[in-house]
């Protein structure tokens, strides 16, 4: 998994009825774009994430 600042992490809900969570990558702490990532969640909370198999990256350039 490789990402850049500005990319989005989409964490799919694992429980029926739970919505996906979207987090913007604000800092890449791993080597060559790898995790962990410092992210800002939709509610403004910032945290470190090492994405699991239920997470996909939406690259910034693909959102235009």
PDB file of N, CA and C in Angstrom:
ATOM      1  N   UNK A   1       0.846  -1.167   0.000  1.00  0.00           N
ATOM      2  CA  UNK A   1       0.000   0.000   0.000  1.00  0.00           C
ATOM      3  C   UNK A   1       0.893   1.231   0.000  1.00  0.00           C
ATOM      4  N   UNK A   2       0.671   2.104  -0.962  1.00  0.00           N
ATOM      5  CA  UNK A   2       1.441   3.338  -1.065  1.00  0.00           C
ATOM      6  C   UNK A   2       0.504   4.512  -1.227  1.00  0.00           C
ATOM      7  N   UNK A   3       0.811   5.582  -0.535  1.00  0.00           N
ATOM      8  CA  UNK A   3      -0.040   6.764  -0.581  1.00  0.00           C
ATOM      9  C   UNK A   3       0.810   8.014  -0.481  1.00  0.00           C
ATOM     10  N   UNK A   4       0.176   9.144  -0.764  1.00  0.00           N
ATOM     11  CA  UNK A   4       0.817  10.454  -0.685  1.00  0.00           C
ATOM     12  C   UNK A   4      -0.061  11.383   0.135  1.00  0.00           C
ATOM     13  N   UNK A   5       0.534  12.479   0.587  1.00  0.00           N
ATOM     14  CA  UNK A   5      -0.234  13.495   1.306  1.00  0.00           C
ATOM     15  C   UNK A   5      -1.362  13.976   0.392  1.00  0.00           C
ATOM     16  N   UNK A   6      -2.558  14.071   0.934  1.00  0.00           N
ATOM     17  CA  UNK A   6      -3.723  14.508   0.171  1.00  0.00           C
ATOM     18  C   UNK A   6      -4.606  13.360  -0.284  1.00  0.00           C
ATOM     19  N   UNK A   7      -4.054  12.140  -0.344  1.00  0.00           N
ATOM     20  CA  UNK A   7      -4.862  10.970  -0.692  1.00  0.00           C
ATOM     21  C   UNK A   7      -5.869  10.709   0.418  1.00  0.00           C
ATOM     22  N   UNK A   8      -6.897   9.941   0.092  1.00  0.00           N
ATOM     23  CA  UNK A   8      -7.921   9.587   1.068  1.00  0.00           C
ATOM     24  C   UNK A   8      -7.871   8.093   1.360  1.00  0.00           C
ATOM     25  N   UNK A   9      -8.071   7.735   2.609  1.00  0.00           N
ATOM     26  CA  UNK A   9      -8.242   6.337   2.992  1.00  0.00           C
ATOM     27  C   UNK A   9      -9.732   6.118   3.199  1.00  0.00           C
ATOM     28  N   UNK A  10     -10.273   5.112   2.555  1.00  0.00           N
ATOM     29  CA  UNK A  10     -11.679   4.747   2.708  1.00  0.00           C
ATOM     30  C   UNK A  10     -11.707   3.450   3.508  1.00  0.00           C
ATOM     31  N   UNK A  11     -12.226   3.516   4.729  1.00  0.00           N
ATOM     32  CA  UNK A  11     -12.306   2.347   5.605  1.00  0.00           C
ATOM     33  C   UNK A  11     -13.742   1.846   5.547  1.00  0.00           C
ATOM     34  N   UNK A  12     -13.943   0.689   4.928  1.00  0.00           N
ATOM     35  CA  UNK A  12     -15.280   0.141   4.759  1.00  0.00           C
ATOM     36  C   UNK A  12     -15.828  -0.360   6.091  1.00  0.00           C
ATOM     37  N   UNK A  13     -17.109  -0.067   6.336  1.00  0.00           N
ATOM     38  CA  UNK A  13     -17.775  -0.533   7.543  1.00  0.00           C
ATOM     39  C   UNK A  13     -17.885  -2.051   7.526  1.00  0.00           C
ATOM     40  N   UNK A  14     -17.597  -2.680   8.651  1.00  0.00           N
ATOM     41  CA  UNK A  14     -17.660  -4.145   8.733  1.00  0.00           C
ATOM     42  C   UNK A  14     -18.943  -4.631   9.383  1.00  0.00           C
ATOM     43  N   UNK A  15     -19.783  -3.704   9.789  1.00  0.00           N
ATOM     44  CA  UNK A  15     -21.046  -4.045  10.432  1.00  0.00           C
ATOM     45  C   UNK A  15     -22.174  -3.504   9.560  1.00  0.00           C
ATOM     46  N   UNK A  16     -23.218  -4.286   9.363  1.00  0.00           N
ATOM     47  CA  UNK A  16     -24.347  -3.859   8.555  1.00  0.00           C
ATOM     48  C   UNK A  16     -24.894  -2.548   9.111  1.00  0.00           C
ATOM     49  N   UNK A  17     -25.072  -1.577   8.231  1.00  0.00           N
ATOM     50  CA  UNK A  17     -25.601  -0.284   8.639  1.00  0.00           C
ATOM     51  C   UNK A  17     -24.540   0.733   9.016  1.00  0.00           C
ATOM     52  N   UNK A  18     -23.314   0.310   9.194  1.00  0.00           N
ATOM     53  CA  UNK A  18     -22.245   1.250   9.538  1.00  0.00           C
ATOM     54  C   UNK A  18     -21.648   1.802   8.240  1.00  0.00           C
ATOM     55  N   UNK A  19     -21.557   3.117   8.154  1.00  0.00           N
ATOM     56  CA  UNK A  19     -21.043   3.758   6.956  1.00  0.00           C
ATOM     57  C   UNK A  19     -19.521   3.669   6.880  1.00  0.00           C
ATOM     58  N   UNK A  20     -19.016   3.850   5.658  1.00  0.00           N
ATOM     59  CA  UNK A  20     -17.571   3.918   5.472  1.00  0.00           C
ATOM     60  C   UNK A  20     -17.032   5.177   6.142  1.00  0.00           C
ATOM     61  N   UNK A  21     -15.782   5.092   6.623  1.00  0.00           N
ATOM     62  CA  UNK A  21     -15.110   6.263   7.185  1.00  0.00           C
ATOM     63  C   UNK A  21     -14.090   6.747   6.163  1.00  0.00           C
ATOM     64  N   UNK A  22     -13.971   8.048   6.041  1.00  0.00           N
ATOM     65  CA  UNK A  22     -13.023   8.647   5.102  1.00  0.00           C
ATOM     66  C   UNK A  22     -12.032   9.479   5.896  1.00  0.00           C
ATOM     67  N   UNK A  23     -10.746   9.264   5.602  1.00  0.00           N
ATOM     68  CA  UNK A  23      -9.682   9.997   6.286  1.00  0.00           C
ATOM     69  C   UNK A  23      -8.721  10.557   5.246  1.00  0.00           C
ATOM     70  N   UNK A  24      -8.328  11.804   5.415  1.00  0.00           N
ATOM     71  CA  UNK A  24      -7.354  12.432   4.524  1.00  0.00           C
ATOM     72  C   UNK A  24      -5.959  12.242   5.101  1.00  0.00           C
ATOM     73  N   UNK A  25      -5.039  11.799   4.270  1.00  0.00           N
ATOM     74  CA  UNK A  25      -3.653  11.621   4.714  1.00  0.00           C
ATOM     75  C   UNK A  25      -2.980  12.985   4.777  1.00  0.00           C
ATOM     76  N   UNK A  26      -2.474  13.325   5.964  1.00  0.00           N
ATOM     77  CA  UNK A  26      -1.796  14.612   6.127  1.00  0.00           C
ATOM     78  C   UNK A  26      -0.296  14.450   6.322  1.00  0.00           C
ATOM     79  N   UNK A  27       0.161  13.218   6.572  1.00  0.00           N
ATOM     80  CA  UNK A  27       1.594  12.949   6.692  1.00  0.00           C
ATOM     81  C   UNK A  27       1.841  11.462   6.474  1.00  0.00           C
ATOM     82  N   UNK A  28       2.849  11.155   5.669  1.00  0.00           N
ATOM     83  CA  UNK A  28       3.257   9.762   5.433  1.00  0.00           C
ATOM     84  C   UNK A  28       4.486   9.504   6.286  1.00  0.00           C
ATOM     85  N   UNK A  29       4.395   8.537   7.198  1.00  0.00           N
ATOM     86  CA  UNK A  29       5.485   8.263   8.125  1.00  0.00           C
ATOM     87  C   UNK A  29       6.302   7.029   7.747  1.00  0.00           C
ATOM     88  N   UNK A  30       5.808   6.222   6.816  1.00  0.00           N
ATOM     89  CA  UNK A  30       6.502   5.012   6.407  1.00  0.00           C
ATOM     90  C   UNK A  30       7.477   5.281   5.266  1.00  0.00           C
ATOM     91  N   UNK A  31       8.192   4.262   4.895  1.00  0.00           N
ATOM     92  CA  UNK A  31       9.175   4.348   3.818  1.00  0.00           C
ATOM     93  C   UNK A  31       8.472   4.172   2.473  1.00  0.00           C
ATOM     94  N   UNK A  32       8.838   4.986   1.481  1.00  0.00           N
ATOM     95  CA  UNK A  32       8.305   4.905   0.114  1.00  0.00           C
ATOM     96  C   UNK A  32       6.785   4.947   0.059  1.00  0.00           C
ATOM     97  N   UNK A  33       6.159   5.809   0.855  1.00  0.00           N
ATOM     98  CA  UNK A  33       4.715   5.976   0.816  1.00  0.00           C
ATOM     99  C   UNK A  33       3.930   4.928   1.582  1.00  0.00           C
ATOM    100  N   UNK A  34       4.616   4.097   2.346  1.00  0.00           N
ATOM    101  CA  UNK A  34       3.939   3.053   3.111  1.00  0.00           C
ATOM    102  C   UNK A  34       3.447   3.550   4.459  1.00  0.00           C
ATOM    103  N   UNK A  35       2.620   2.744   5.120  1.00  0.00           N
ATOM    104  CA  UNK A  35       2.103   3.113   6.433  1.00  0.00           C
ATOM    105  C   UNK A  35       3.198   3.088   7.490  1.00  0.00           C
ATOM    106  N   UNK A  36       2.991   3.735   8.604  1.00  0.00           N
ATOM    107  CA  UNK A  36       1.744   4.357   9.061  1.00  0.00           C
ATOM    108  C   UNK A  36       1.559   5.742   8.456  1.00  0.00           C
ATOM    109  N   UNK A  37       0.299   6.206   8.545  1.00  0.00           N
ATOM    110  CA  UNK A  37      -0.082   7.519   8.039  1.00  0.00           C
ATOM    111  C   UNK A  37      -0.702   8.327   9.170  1.00  0.00           C
ATOM    112  N   UNK A  38      -0.399   9.627   9.193  1.00  0.00           N
ATOM    113  CA  UNK A  38      -1.138  10.531  10.076  1.00  0.00           C
ATOM    114  C   UNK A  38      -2.306  11.022   9.235  1.00  0.00           C
ATOM    115  N   UNK A  39      -3.523  10.861   9.759  1.00  0.00           N
ATOM    116  CA  UNK A  39      -4.724  11.186   8.988  1.00  0.00           C
ATOM    117  C   UNK A  39      -5.630  12.120   9.780  1.00  0.00           C
ATOM    118  N   UNK A  40      -6.483  12.815   9.022  1.00  0.00           N
ATOM    119  CA  UNK A  40      -7.529  13.653   9.618  1.00  0.00           C
ATOM    120  C   UNK A  40      -8.862  13.068   9.189  1.00  0.00           C
ATOM    121  N   UNK A  41      -9.653  12.661  10.183  1.00  0.00           N
ATOM    122  CA  UNK A  41     -10.969  12.084   9.915  1.00  0.00           C
ATOM    123  C   UNK A  41     -11.971  13.190   9.603  1.00  0.00           C
ATOM    124  N   UNK A  42     -13.143  12.795   9.136  1.00  0.00           N
ATOM    125  CA  UNK A  42     -14.174  13.763   8.739  1.00  0.00           C
ATOM    126  C   UNK A  42     -14.602  14.689   9.873  1.00  0.00           C
ATOM    127  N   UNK A  43     -14.520  14.214  11.107  1.00  0.00           N
ATOM    128  CA  UNK A  43     -14.925  15.040  12.249  1.00  0.00           C
ATOM    129  C   UNK A  43     -13.803  15.954  12.739  1.00  0.00           C
ATOM    130  N   UNK A  44     -12.638  15.947  12.042  1.00  0.00           N
ATOM    131  CA  UNK A  44     -11.511  16.805  12.396  1.00  0.00           C
ATOM    132  C   UNK A  44     -10.482  16.150  13.307  1.00  0.00           C
ATOM    133  N   UNK A  45     -10.797  14.977  13.830  1.00  0.00           N
ATOM    134  CA  UNK A  45      -9.876  14.254  14.711  1.00  0.00           C
ATOM    135  C   UNK A  45      -8.671  13.775  13.906  1.00  0.00           C
ATOM    136  N   UNK A  46      -7.468  13.907  14.466  1.00  0.00           N
ATOM    137  CA  UNK A  46      -6.250  13.420  13.814  1.00  0.00           C
ATOM    138  C   UNK A  46      -5.712  12.222  14.581  1.00  0.00           C
ATOM    139  N   UNK A  47      -5.214  11.223  13.845  1.00  0.00           N
ATOM    140  CA  UNK A  47      -4.699  10.008  14.454  1.00  0.00           C
ATOM    141  C   UNK A  47      -3.704   9.345  13.513  1.00  0.00           C
ATOM    142  N   UNK A  48      -2.998   8.332  14.002  1.00  0.00           N
ATOM    143  CA  UNK A  48      -2.122   7.507  13.180  1.00  0.00           C
ATOM    144  C   UNK A  48      -2.892   6.281  12.732  1.00  0.00           C
ATOM    145  N   UNK A  49      -2.701   5.864  11.476  1.00  0.00           N
ATOM    146  CA  UNK A  49      -3.367   4.676  10.963  1.00  0.00           C
ATOM    147  C   UNK A  49      -2.389   3.798  10.210  1.00  0.00           C
ATOM    148  N   UNK A  50      -2.512   2.515  10.425  1.00  0.00           N
ATOM    149  CA  UNK A  50      -1.876   1.500   9.596  1.00  0.00           C
ATOM    150  C   UNK A  50      -3.033   0.693   9.009  1.00  0.00           C
ATOM    151  N   UNK A  51      -3.445   1.009   7.786  1.00  0.00           N
ATOM    152  CA  UNK A  51      -4.657   0.451   7.217  1.00  0.00           C
ATOM    153  C   UNK A  51      -4.651  -1.072   7.135  1.00  0.00           C
ATOM    154  N   UNK A  52      -5.821  -1.643   7.342  1.00  0.00           N
ATOM    155  CA  UNK A  52      -6.018  -3.083   7.248  1.00  0.00           C
ATOM    156  C   UNK A  52      -6.605  -3.466   5.897  1.00  0.00           C
ATOM    157  N   UNK A  53      -7.020  -4.723   5.743  1.00  0.00           N
ATOM    158  CA  UNK A  53      -7.530  -5.208   4.462  1.00  0.00           C
ATOM    159  C   UNK A  53      -8.886  -4.626   4.073  1.00  0.00           C
ATOM    160  N   UNK A  54      -9.567  -3.972   4.994  1.00  0.00           N
ATOM    161  CA  UNK A  54     -10.857  -3.362   4.688  1.00  0.00           C
ATOM    162  C   UNK A  54     -10.719  -1.899   4.272  1.00  0.00           C
ATOM    163  N   UNK A  55      -9.500  -1.474   3.952  1.00  0.00           N
ATOM    164  CA  UNK A  55      -9.212  -0.086   3.598  1.00  0.00           C
ATOM    165  C   UNK A  55      -8.676   0.003   2.176  1.00  0.00           C
ATOM    166  N   UNK A  56      -9.139   1.011   1.434  1.00  0.00           N
ATOM    167  CA  UNK A  56      -8.615   1.285   0.094  1.00  0.00           C
ATOM    168  C   UNK A  56      -8.130   2.726   0.046  1.00  0.00           C
ATOM    169  N   UNK A  57      -7.230   2.997  -0.873  1.00  0.00           N
ATOM    170  CA  UNK A  57      -6.709   4.351  -1.061  1.00  0.00           C
ATOM    171  C   UNK A  57      -7.362   4.962  -2.287  1.00  0.00           C
ATOM    172  N   UNK A  58      -7.865   6.179  -2.127  1.00  0.00           N
ATOM    173  CA  UNK A  58      -8.344   6.947  -3.275  1.00  0.00           C
ATOM    174  C   UNK A  58      -7.310   8.041  -3.482  1.00  0.00           C
ATOM    175  N   UNK A  59      -6.545   7.901  -4.549  1.00  0.00           N
ATOM    176  CA  UNK A  59      -5.466   8.854  -4.812  1.00  0.00           C
ATOM    177  C   UNK A  59      -6.035  10.200  -5.190  1.00  0.00           C
ATOM    178  N   UNK A  60      -5.385  11.248  -4.733  1.00  0.00           N
ATOM    179  CA  UNK A  60      -5.850  12.613  -4.922  1.00  0.00           C
ATOM    180  C   UNK A  60      -6.102  12.937  -6.398  1.00  0.00           C
ATOM    181  N   UNK A  61      -5.205  12.547  -7.268  1.00  0.00           N
ATOM    182  CA  UNK A  61      -5.332  12.860  -8.697  1.00  0.00           C
ATOM    183  C   UNK A  61      -6.581  12.225  -9.296  1.00  0.00           C
ATOM    184  N   UNK A  62      -7.047  11.080  -8.772  1.00  0.00           N
ATOM    185  CA  UNK A  62      -8.206  10.397  -9.343  1.00  0.00           C
ATOM    186  C   UNK A  62      -9.527  11.036  -8.928  1.00  0.00           C
ATOM    187  N   UNK A  63      -9.498  11.998  -8.003  1.00  0.00           N
ATOM    188  CA  UNK A  63     -10.721  12.633  -7.534  1.00  0.00           C
ATOM    189  C   UNK A  63     -11.093  13.844  -8.367  1.00  0.00           C
ATOM    190  N   UNK A  64     -10.225  14.310  -9.244  1.00  0.00           N
ATOM    191  CA  UNK A  64     -10.497  15.523 -10.030  1.00  0.00           C
ATOM    192  C   UNK A  64     -11.487  15.253 -11.122  1.00  0.00           C
TER     193      UNK A  64
END
